[in-house]
């Protein structure tokens, strides 16, 4: 079936739509990348919140640090194995951290909207704000899950590489067979 060619205004409209969609895609990836970067950069302040060094660490934080180191080692190992490259592997890690950060923001929004629906929201708010390990458990587990899921799982396939057609091969004959034909 033969497609009709677009008019000049149709081509401009189509090009504008493609350009805006590419821009929105880059903004999405850039936003997730920045959110992941800020969530990883904020970890030292979350872990060392009282600025007392190693005596500041709780048992939860003592368990989180080696697990994160192991998952980052796993991530680097898989990036080397699947030849992902440093920047693409780093980008995968930050985008996964950004997605988990966005899910955490969504969870906070649901909890806050739930606070507005109950009769005494101040009591529940004060119980949530008090020093409880629940918020750290959620934060640390989301960082660990994102670090686990960010590791590549297969080699990156080459894009738009035409497959080489097999060359026809001629049967080879031995020198004795060539002499027999003559």
N, C-alpha and C. Protein backbone atom coordinates (compact mmCIF):
# COMPACT_ATOMS: atom_id res chain seq x y z
N UNK A 1 0.84 -1.16 0.00
CA UNK A 1 0.00 0.00 0.00
C UNK A 1 0.89 1.24 0.00
N UNK A 2 0.57 2.19 -0.82
CA UNK A 2 1.38 3.39 -0.96
C UNK A 2 0.80 4.50 -0.05
N UNK A 3 1.65 5.09 0.78
CA UNK A 3 1.21 6.15 1.68
C UNK A 3 1.29 7.49 0.98
N UNK A 4 0.31 8.36 1.26
CA UNK A 4 0.34 9.70 0.70
C UNK A 4 1.35 10.53 1.48
N UNK A 5 1.99 11.44 0.78
CA UNK A 5 2.95 12.32 1.44
C UNK A 5 2.19 13.43 2.14
N UNK A 6 2.69 13.81 3.33
CA UNK A 6 2.06 14.86 4.11
C UNK A 6 2.30 16.22 3.47
N UNK A 7 1.38 17.11 3.71
CA UNK A 7 1.59 18.48 3.26
C UNK A 7 2.65 19.15 4.14
N UNK A 8 3.03 20.35 3.78
CA UNK A 8 4.05 21.06 4.54
C UNK A 8 3.60 21.31 5.97
N UNK A 9 2.35 21.70 6.17
CA UNK A 9 1.85 21.92 7.54
C UNK A 9 1.79 20.61 8.31
N UNK A 10 1.44 19.52 7.62
CA UNK A 10 1.42 18.21 8.27
C UNK A 10 2.80 17.77 8.68
N UNK A 11 3.80 18.03 7.81
CA UNK A 11 5.19 17.69 8.16
C UNK A 11 5.67 18.51 9.34
N UNK A 12 5.34 19.81 9.35
CA UNK A 12 5.73 20.66 10.48
C UNK A 12 5.06 20.20 11.77
N UNK A 13 3.77 19.86 11.68
CA UNK A 13 3.04 19.39 12.85
C UNK A 13 3.62 18.07 13.35
N UNK A 14 3.91 17.16 12.43
CA UNK A 14 4.49 15.86 12.80
C UNK A 14 5.87 16.05 13.43
N UNK A 15 6.69 16.92 12.85
CA UNK A 15 8.02 17.19 13.41
C UNK A 15 7.95 17.83 14.79
N UNK A 16 7.00 18.76 14.96
CA UNK A 16 6.83 19.41 16.26
C UNK A 16 6.41 18.38 17.32
N UNK A 17 5.51 17.48 16.96
CA UNK A 17 5.07 16.44 17.89
C UNK A 17 6.23 15.53 18.28
N UNK A 18 7.02 15.10 17.30
CA UNK A 18 8.17 14.25 17.60
C UNK A 18 9.18 14.98 18.49
N UNK A 19 9.42 16.26 18.19
CA UNK A 19 10.36 17.03 19.00
C UNK A 19 9.90 17.18 20.44
N UNK A 20 8.61 17.48 20.63
CA UNK A 20 8.08 17.63 21.99
C UNK A 20 8.13 16.30 22.74
N UNK A 21 7.81 15.20 22.05
CA UNK A 21 7.86 13.89 22.70
C UNK A 21 9.30 13.53 23.10
N UNK A 22 10.28 13.84 22.25
CA UNK A 22 11.68 13.61 22.62
C UNK A 22 12.09 14.47 23.81
N UNK A 23 11.65 15.72 23.82
CA UNK A 23 11.96 16.61 24.93
C UNK A 23 11.34 16.10 26.23
N UNK A 24 10.09 15.66 26.18
CA UNK A 24 9.45 15.12 27.37
C UNK A 24 10.12 13.84 27.85
N UNK A 25 10.56 13.02 26.91
CA UNK A 25 11.29 11.80 27.29
C UNK A 25 12.59 12.14 28.00
N UNK A 26 13.33 13.11 27.47
CA UNK A 26 14.58 13.51 28.11
C UNK A 26 14.32 14.16 29.46
N UNK A 27 13.24 14.93 29.59
CA UNK A 27 12.91 15.52 30.89
C UNK A 27 12.55 14.45 31.91
N UNK A 28 11.84 13.42 31.46
CA UNK A 28 11.50 12.32 32.36
C UNK A 28 12.75 11.60 32.85
N UNK A 29 13.62 11.24 31.92
CA UNK A 29 14.85 10.54 32.28
C UNK A 29 15.74 11.44 33.13
N UNK A 30 15.84 12.71 32.76
CA UNK A 30 16.66 13.65 33.54
C UNK A 30 16.11 13.86 34.94
N UNK A 31 14.78 13.94 35.07
CA UNK A 31 14.18 14.10 36.40
C UNK A 31 14.41 12.88 37.28
N UNK A 32 14.24 11.69 36.70
CA UNK A 32 14.50 10.46 37.47
C UNK A 32 15.97 10.36 37.83
N UNK A 33 16.85 10.75 36.90
CA UNK A 33 18.29 10.71 37.15
C UNK A 33 18.65 11.64 38.30
N UNK A 34 18.13 12.87 38.28
CA UNK A 34 18.43 13.83 39.35
C UNK A 34 17.82 13.38 40.68
N UNK A 35 16.63 12.82 40.66
CA UNK A 35 16.02 12.33 41.90
C UNK A 35 16.83 11.18 42.47
N UNK A 36 17.32 10.29 41.61
CA UNK A 36 18.18 9.21 42.08
C UNK A 36 19.50 9.72 42.62
N UNK A 37 20.07 10.71 41.96
CA UNK A 37 21.33 11.29 42.43
C UNK A 37 21.16 11.96 43.79
N UNK A 38 20.07 12.70 43.97
CA UNK A 38 19.86 13.35 45.27
C UNK A 38 19.55 12.33 46.36
N UNK A 39 18.86 11.25 46.00
CA UNK A 39 18.57 10.25 47.04
C UNK A 39 19.85 9.53 47.48
N UNK A 40 20.75 9.26 46.53
CA UNK A 40 22.02 8.64 46.92
C UNK A 40 22.93 9.64 47.65
N UNK A 41 22.89 10.90 47.23
CA UNK A 41 23.73 11.91 47.88
C UNK A 41 23.24 12.22 49.29
N UNK A 42 21.95 12.01 49.56
CA UNK A 42 21.40 12.29 50.88
C UNK A 42 21.64 11.16 51.87
N UNK A 43 22.09 10.00 51.40
CA UNK A 43 22.28 8.86 52.30
C UNK A 43 23.24 9.15 53.46
N UNK A 44 24.39 9.81 53.25
CA UNK A 44 25.25 10.07 54.42
C UNK A 44 24.57 10.93 55.49
N UNK A 45 23.75 11.87 55.08
CA UNK A 45 23.05 12.69 56.07
C UNK A 45 21.94 11.92 56.76
N UNK A 46 21.36 10.94 56.08
CA UNK A 46 20.35 10.10 56.71
C UNK A 46 21.01 9.14 57.69
N UNK A 47 22.15 8.60 57.31
CA UNK A 47 22.83 7.62 58.17
C UNK A 47 23.49 8.31 59.36
N UNK A 48 24.24 9.38 59.11
CA UNK A 48 24.96 10.08 60.18
C UNK A 48 24.19 11.34 60.58
N UNK A 49 22.96 11.16 61.03
CA UNK A 49 22.10 12.30 61.31
C UNK A 49 22.52 13.09 62.55
N UNK A 50 23.21 12.48 63.49
CA UNK A 50 23.60 13.20 64.71
C UNK A 50 25.05 13.66 64.67
N UNK A 51 25.75 13.37 63.58
CA UNK A 51 27.13 13.80 63.35
C UNK A 51 28.08 13.36 64.47
N UNK A 52 27.94 12.10 64.90
CA UNK A 52 28.79 11.56 65.95
C UNK A 52 29.68 10.43 65.44
N UNK A 53 29.83 10.32 64.13
CA UNK A 53 30.69 9.29 63.57
C UNK A 53 30.07 7.91 63.65
N UNK A 54 30.95 6.90 63.84
CA UNK A 54 30.48 5.52 63.86
C UNK A 54 29.63 5.20 65.08
N UNK A 55 29.77 5.97 66.15
CA UNK A 55 28.93 5.71 67.32
C UNK A 55 27.49 6.13 67.08
N UNK A 56 27.25 6.85 66.01
CA UNK A 56 25.91 7.31 65.65
C UNK A 56 25.11 6.20 64.96
N UNK A 57 25.77 5.18 64.44
CA UNK A 57 25.09 4.16 63.65
C UNK A 57 24.27 3.21 64.51
N UNK A 58 23.05 2.95 64.05
CA UNK A 58 22.20 1.96 64.71
C UNK A 58 22.47 0.59 64.09
N UNK A 59 21.84 -0.43 64.63
CA UNK A 59 22.02 -1.78 64.10
C UNK A 59 21.48 -1.85 62.67
N UNK A 60 20.39 -1.15 62.42
CA UNK A 60 19.82 -1.11 61.08
C UNK A 60 20.82 -0.50 60.09
N UNK A 61 21.48 0.55 60.47
CA UNK A 61 22.45 1.20 59.58
C UNK A 61 23.71 0.37 59.43
N UNK A 62 24.12 -0.34 60.48
CA UNK A 62 25.27 -1.24 60.37
C UNK A 62 24.97 -2.38 59.40
N UNK A 63 23.73 -2.80 59.31
CA UNK A 63 23.36 -3.84 58.35
C UNK A 63 23.19 -3.29 56.94
N UNK A 64 22.72 -2.04 56.84
CA UNK A 64 22.46 -1.45 55.53
C UNK A 64 23.75 -1.18 54.75
N UNK A 65 24.77 -0.68 55.39
CA UNK A 65 26.00 -0.28 54.70
C UNK A 65 26.69 -1.47 54.01
N UNK A 66 26.90 -2.61 54.68
CA UNK A 66 27.51 -3.74 53.95
C UNK A 66 26.62 -4.31 52.85
N UNK A 67 25.30 -4.31 53.07
CA UNK A 67 24.40 -4.80 52.02
C UNK A 67 24.45 -3.90 50.79
N UNK A 68 24.51 -2.59 51.00
CA UNK A 68 24.61 -1.67 49.87
C UNK A 68 25.94 -1.85 49.15
N UNK A 69 27.01 -2.05 49.91
CA UNK A 69 28.32 -2.27 49.28
C UNK A 69 28.30 -3.55 48.44
N UNK A 70 27.68 -4.61 48.95
CA UNK A 70 27.59 -5.87 48.19
C UNK A 70 26.74 -5.71 46.93
N UNK A 71 25.65 -4.99 47.03
CA UNK A 71 24.80 -4.79 45.86
C UNK A 71 25.47 -3.90 44.82
N UNK A 72 26.24 -2.91 45.26
CA UNK A 72 26.98 -2.09 44.31
C UNK A 72 28.10 -2.88 43.65
N UNK A 73 28.75 -3.77 44.40
CA UNK A 73 29.75 -4.65 43.80
C UNK A 73 29.11 -5.55 42.76
N UNK A 74 27.93 -6.10 43.08
CA UNK A 74 27.19 -6.94 42.14
C UNK A 74 26.84 -6.15 40.89
N UNK A 75 26.41 -4.92 41.07
CA UNK A 75 26.06 -4.07 39.94
C UNK A 75 27.27 -3.84 39.03
N UNK A 76 28.41 -3.52 39.61
CA UNK A 76 29.63 -3.30 38.82
C UNK A 76 30.06 -4.59 38.13
N UNK A 77 29.96 -5.72 38.83
CA UNK A 77 30.33 -7.01 38.24
C UNK A 77 29.46 -7.33 37.02
N UNK A 78 28.14 -7.13 37.13
CA UNK A 78 27.26 -7.40 36.01
C UNK A 78 27.48 -6.39 34.88
N UNK A 79 27.80 -5.16 35.21
CA UNK A 79 28.10 -4.19 34.15
C UNK A 79 29.35 -4.60 33.38
N UNK A 80 30.35 -5.12 34.07
CA UNK A 80 31.55 -5.59 33.38
C UNK A 80 31.24 -6.85 32.57
N UNK A 81 30.46 -7.75 33.14
CA UNK A 81 30.15 -9.01 32.46
C UNK A 81 29.37 -8.76 31.17
N UNK A 82 28.40 -7.88 31.21
CA UNK A 82 27.55 -7.62 30.04
C UNK A 82 28.06 -6.44 29.22
N UNK A 83 29.26 -5.98 29.49
CA UNK A 83 29.91 -4.85 28.79
C UNK A 83 28.96 -3.66 28.63
N UNK A 84 28.40 -3.26 29.75
CA UNK A 84 27.48 -2.14 29.75
C UNK A 84 28.22 -0.81 29.70
N UNK A 85 29.33 -0.72 30.37
CA UNK A 85 30.06 0.53 30.42
C UNK A 85 29.74 1.27 31.71
N UNK A 86 30.67 2.14 32.11
CA UNK A 86 30.52 2.82 33.39
C UNK A 86 29.34 3.77 33.39
N UNK A 87 29.24 4.65 32.38
CA UNK A 87 28.21 5.69 32.41
C UNK A 87 26.81 5.12 32.22
N UNK A 88 26.66 4.13 31.38
CA UNK A 88 25.35 3.52 31.21
C UNK A 88 24.95 2.75 32.47
N UNK A 89 25.89 2.08 33.11
CA UNK A 89 25.59 1.39 34.37
C UNK A 89 25.25 2.36 35.48
N UNK A 90 25.99 3.47 35.54
CA UNK A 90 25.71 4.51 36.54
C UNK A 90 24.35 5.14 36.29
N UNK A 91 24.03 5.35 35.03
CA UNK A 91 22.74 5.93 34.68
C UNK A 91 21.61 4.97 35.06
N UNK A 92 21.79 3.67 34.82
CA UNK A 92 20.78 2.69 35.22
C UNK A 92 20.55 2.73 36.72
N UNK A 93 21.64 2.83 37.48
CA UNK A 93 21.53 2.87 38.94
C UNK A 93 20.77 4.11 39.39
N UNK A 94 21.09 5.27 38.82
CA UNK A 94 20.42 6.50 39.23
C UNK A 94 18.96 6.53 38.80
N UNK A 95 18.66 6.00 37.64
CA UNK A 95 17.26 5.98 37.19
C UNK A 95 16.43 5.05 38.08
N UNK A 96 16.98 3.90 38.46
CA UNK A 96 16.25 3.00 39.38
C UNK A 96 16.07 3.65 40.74
N UNK A 97 17.08 4.35 41.22
CA UNK A 97 16.95 5.07 42.49
C UNK A 97 15.89 6.16 42.36
N UNK A 98 15.84 6.83 41.21
CA UNK A 98 14.83 7.86 40.98
C UNK A 98 13.42 7.30 40.96
N UNK A 99 13.25 6.15 40.34
CA UNK A 99 11.92 5.52 40.31
C UNK A 99 11.49 5.15 41.73
N UNK A 100 12.42 4.60 42.52
CA UNK A 100 12.06 4.26 43.90
C UNK A 100 11.79 5.52 44.72
N UNK A 101 12.52 6.59 44.46
CA UNK A 101 12.25 7.86 45.14
C UNK A 101 10.87 8.39 44.78
N UNK A 102 10.49 8.28 43.51
CA UNK A 102 9.15 8.71 43.09
C UNK A 102 8.07 7.86 43.75
N UNK A 103 8.33 6.55 43.88
CA UNK A 103 7.37 5.69 44.58
C UNK A 103 7.27 6.06 46.06
N UNK A 104 8.39 6.44 46.67
CA UNK A 104 8.36 6.89 48.07
C UNK A 104 7.54 8.18 48.20
N UNK A 105 7.72 9.11 47.25
CA UNK A 105 6.91 10.33 47.28
C UNK A 105 5.43 10.02 47.11
N UNK A 106 5.12 9.06 46.26
CA UNK A 106 3.73 8.65 46.09
C UNK A 106 3.17 8.07 47.38
N UNK A 107 3.97 7.25 48.05
CA UNK A 107 3.55 6.67 49.33
C UNK A 107 3.31 7.75 50.38
N UNK A 108 4.20 8.73 50.43
CA UNK A 108 4.01 9.84 51.38
C UNK A 108 2.74 10.62 51.04
N UNK A 109 2.47 10.82 49.76
CA UNK A 109 1.25 11.52 49.36
C UNK A 109 0.00 10.76 49.75
N UNK A 110 0.03 9.44 49.61
CA UNK A 110 -1.13 8.63 50.00
C UNK A 110 -1.34 8.71 51.51
N UNK A 111 -0.25 8.65 52.28
CA UNK A 111 -0.37 8.74 53.74
C UNK A 111 -0.91 10.11 54.16
N UNK A 112 -0.42 11.16 53.53
CA UNK A 112 -0.90 12.50 53.88
C UNK A 112 -2.36 12.66 53.50
N UNK A 113 -2.76 12.16 52.34
CA UNK A 113 -4.18 12.26 51.97
C UNK A 113 -5.04 11.41 52.90
N UNK A 114 -4.49 10.31 53.39
CA UNK A 114 -5.22 9.49 54.37
C UNK A 114 -5.36 10.21 55.70
N UNK A 115 -4.38 11.04 56.05
CA UNK A 115 -4.46 11.81 57.29
C UNK A 115 -5.61 12.82 57.25
N UNK A 116 -5.89 13.35 56.06
CA UNK A 116 -6.98 14.32 55.95
C UNK A 116 -8.36 13.66 56.02
N UNK A 117 -8.42 12.36 55.81
CA UNK A 117 -9.71 11.68 55.79
C UNK A 117 -10.14 11.15 57.16
N UNK A 118 -9.24 11.06 58.12
CA UNK A 118 -9.61 10.52 59.43
C UNK A 118 -10.04 11.66 60.35
N UNK A 119 -10.68 11.29 61.47
CA UNK A 119 -11.22 12.29 62.38
C UNK A 119 -10.15 13.06 63.14
N UNK A 120 -9.15 12.38 63.67
CA UNK A 120 -8.11 13.03 64.47
C UNK A 120 -6.76 12.85 63.78
N UNK A 121 -6.48 13.66 62.76
CA UNK A 121 -5.24 13.46 62.01
C UNK A 121 -3.98 13.82 62.80
N UNK A 122 -4.13 14.70 63.79
CA UNK A 122 -2.94 15.13 64.55
C UNK A 122 -2.35 13.98 65.36
N UNK A 123 -3.18 13.14 65.92
CA UNK A 123 -2.68 12.02 66.72
C UNK A 123 -1.89 11.04 65.85
N UNK A 124 -2.42 10.71 64.69
CA UNK A 124 -1.72 9.80 63.79
C UNK A 124 -0.45 10.45 63.24
N UNK A 125 -0.52 11.75 62.94
CA UNK A 125 0.65 12.47 62.45
C UNK A 125 1.77 12.47 63.48
N UNK A 126 1.44 12.73 64.74
CA UNK A 126 2.47 12.74 65.79
C UNK A 126 3.06 11.34 66.00
N UNK A 127 2.25 10.32 65.86
CA UNK A 127 2.79 8.96 66.02
C UNK A 127 3.70 8.59 64.84
N UNK A 128 3.41 9.12 63.66
CA UNK A 128 4.28 8.86 62.51
C UNK A 128 5.58 9.65 62.57
N UNK A 129 5.52 10.88 63.10
CA UNK A 129 6.69 11.75 63.12
C UNK A 129 7.67 11.35 64.22
N UNK A 130 7.18 10.73 65.28
CA UNK A 130 8.06 10.35 66.37
C UNK A 130 9.16 9.42 65.87
N UNK A 131 10.23 9.36 66.63
CA UNK A 131 11.40 8.57 66.22
C UNK A 131 11.02 7.09 66.19
N UNK A 132 10.80 6.60 64.98
CA UNK A 132 10.50 5.18 64.80
C UNK A 132 11.37 4.67 63.66
N UNK A 133 11.75 3.42 63.70
CA UNK A 133 12.61 2.91 62.62
C UNK A 133 11.86 2.63 61.32
N UNK A 134 10.55 2.80 61.31
CA UNK A 134 9.78 2.47 60.13
C UNK A 134 10.18 3.31 58.92
N UNK A 135 10.39 4.61 59.10
CA UNK A 135 10.76 5.44 57.96
C UNK A 135 12.15 5.09 57.44
N UNK A 136 13.09 4.75 58.35
CA UNK A 136 14.42 4.35 57.89
C UNK A 136 14.39 2.98 57.22
N UNK A 137 13.57 2.09 57.71
CA UNK A 137 13.45 0.77 57.09
C UNK A 137 12.92 0.92 55.66
N UNK A 138 11.91 1.76 55.47
CA UNK A 138 11.36 1.98 54.14
C UNK A 138 12.39 2.64 53.22
N UNK A 139 13.10 3.64 53.73
CA UNK A 139 14.11 4.33 52.93
C UNK A 139 15.24 3.40 52.54
N UNK A 140 15.79 2.69 53.51
CA UNK A 140 16.92 1.81 53.23
C UNK A 140 16.52 0.64 52.34
N UNK A 141 15.33 0.09 52.56
CA UNK A 141 14.92 -1.04 51.73
C UNK A 141 14.66 -0.59 50.30
N UNK A 142 14.14 0.62 50.10
CA UNK A 142 13.93 1.09 48.73
C UNK A 142 15.26 1.33 48.02
N UNK A 143 16.27 1.81 48.73
CA UNK A 143 17.60 1.99 48.13
C UNK A 143 18.20 0.64 47.77
N UNK A 144 18.05 -0.34 48.64
CA UNK A 144 18.60 -1.67 48.37
C UNK A 144 17.88 -2.36 47.22
N UNK A 145 16.57 -2.24 47.16
CA UNK A 145 15.81 -2.85 46.06
C UNK A 145 16.19 -2.19 44.73
N UNK A 146 16.34 -0.88 44.73
CA UNK A 146 16.72 -0.19 43.49
C UNK A 146 18.13 -0.58 43.06
N UNK A 147 19.05 -0.73 44.00
CA UNK A 147 20.41 -1.15 43.65
C UNK A 147 20.40 -2.59 43.11
N UNK A 148 19.53 -3.43 43.64
CA UNK A 148 19.42 -4.80 43.15
C UNK A 148 18.85 -4.83 41.73
N UNK A 149 17.80 -4.05 41.48
CA UNK A 149 17.13 -4.09 40.19
C UNK A 149 17.88 -3.33 39.09
N UNK A 150 18.84 -2.49 39.45
CA UNK A 150 19.54 -1.68 38.45
C UNK A 150 20.59 -2.47 37.67
N UNK A 151 20.98 -3.62 38.16
CA UNK A 151 22.03 -4.39 37.49
C UNK A 151 21.54 -4.87 36.12
N UNK A 152 22.39 -4.79 35.10
CA UNK A 152 21.97 -5.26 33.78
C UNK A 152 21.77 -6.77 33.78
N UNK A 153 20.88 -7.22 32.89
CA UNK A 153 20.56 -8.65 32.85
C UNK A 153 20.97 -9.31 31.54
N UNK A 154 21.32 -8.52 30.54
CA UNK A 154 21.76 -9.10 29.27
C UNK A 154 22.62 -8.08 28.54
N UNK A 155 23.29 -8.57 27.50
CA UNK A 155 24.12 -7.68 26.68
C UNK A 155 23.22 -6.75 25.90
N UNK A 156 23.71 -5.54 25.71
CA UNK A 156 22.96 -4.59 24.91
C UNK A 156 23.07 -4.99 23.45
N UNK A 157 21.92 -5.09 22.79
CA UNK A 157 21.90 -5.51 21.40
C UNK A 157 22.26 -4.32 20.51
N UNK A 158 23.02 -4.56 19.45
CA UNK A 158 23.33 -3.47 18.54
C UNK A 158 22.06 -2.97 17.84
N UNK A 159 21.97 -1.67 17.66
CA UNK A 159 20.79 -1.06 17.08
C UNK A 159 21.00 -0.85 15.58
N UNK A 160 20.03 -1.26 14.77
CA UNK A 160 20.01 -1.03 13.33
C UNK A 160 21.28 -1.49 12.62
N UNK A 161 21.79 -2.62 13.00
CA UNK A 161 22.93 -3.19 12.29
C UNK A 161 22.39 -4.24 11.33
N UNK A 162 22.56 -4.01 10.02
CA UNK A 162 22.02 -5.01 9.08
C UNK A 162 22.79 -6.31 9.19
N UNK A 163 22.06 -7.38 9.09
CA UNK A 163 22.69 -8.70 9.15
C UNK A 163 23.41 -8.96 7.84
N UNK A 164 24.61 -9.47 7.93
CA UNK A 164 25.39 -9.76 6.74
C UNK A 164 24.84 -11.01 6.08
N UNK A 165 24.65 -10.92 4.77
CA UNK A 165 24.14 -12.07 4.03
C UNK A 165 25.28 -13.08 3.86
N UNK A 166 24.98 -14.35 4.00
CA UNK A 166 26.05 -15.33 3.83
C UNK A 166 26.52 -15.35 2.38
N UNK A 167 27.81 -15.41 2.22
CA UNK A 167 28.40 -15.44 0.89
C UNK A 167 28.26 -16.83 0.30
N UNK A 168 27.92 -16.90 -0.97
CA UNK A 168 27.83 -18.24 -1.58
C UNK A 168 29.23 -18.83 -1.71
N UNK A 169 29.33 -20.06 -1.34
CA UNK A 169 30.63 -20.72 -1.41
C UNK A 169 30.64 -21.69 -2.58
N UNK A 170 31.75 -21.71 -3.26
CA UNK A 170 31.91 -22.64 -4.36
C UNK A 170 32.55 -23.91 -3.83
N UNK A 171 32.15 -25.02 -4.35
CA UNK A 171 32.77 -26.26 -3.88
C UNK A 171 34.24 -26.28 -4.30
N UNK A 172 35.06 -26.68 -3.40
CA UNK A 172 36.49 -26.76 -3.70
C UNK A 172 36.82 -28.17 -4.15
N UNK A 173 37.64 -28.21 -5.11
CA UNK A 173 38.04 -29.51 -5.64
C UNK A 173 39.53 -29.69 -5.38
N UNK A 174 39.90 -30.90 -5.14
CA UNK A 174 41.31 -31.20 -4.91
C UNK A 174 42.07 -31.11 -6.23
N UNK A 175 43.39 -30.94 -6.18
CA UNK A 175 44.16 -30.87 -7.43
C UNK A 175 44.01 -32.14 -8.27
N UNK A 176 43.85 -33.32 -7.66
CA UNK A 176 43.68 -34.56 -8.41
C UNK A 176 42.36 -34.54 -9.16
N UNK A 177 41.31 -33.98 -8.56
CA UNK A 177 40.01 -33.92 -9.23
C UNK A 177 40.06 -32.97 -10.40
N UNK A 178 40.82 -31.89 -10.28
CA UNK A 178 40.94 -30.94 -11.39
C UNK A 178 41.68 -31.60 -12.56
N UNK A 179 42.73 -32.38 -12.25
CA UNK A 179 43.47 -33.04 -13.31
C UNK A 179 42.63 -34.11 -14.00
N UNK A 180 41.74 -34.76 -13.25
CA UNK A 180 40.91 -35.80 -13.83
C UNK A 180 39.91 -35.20 -14.81
N UNK A 181 39.48 -33.97 -14.61
CA UNK A 181 38.53 -33.33 -15.49
C UNK A 181 39.19 -32.97 -16.82
N UNK A 182 40.45 -32.65 -16.80
CA UNK A 182 41.13 -32.25 -18.03
C UNK A 182 41.34 -33.43 -18.89
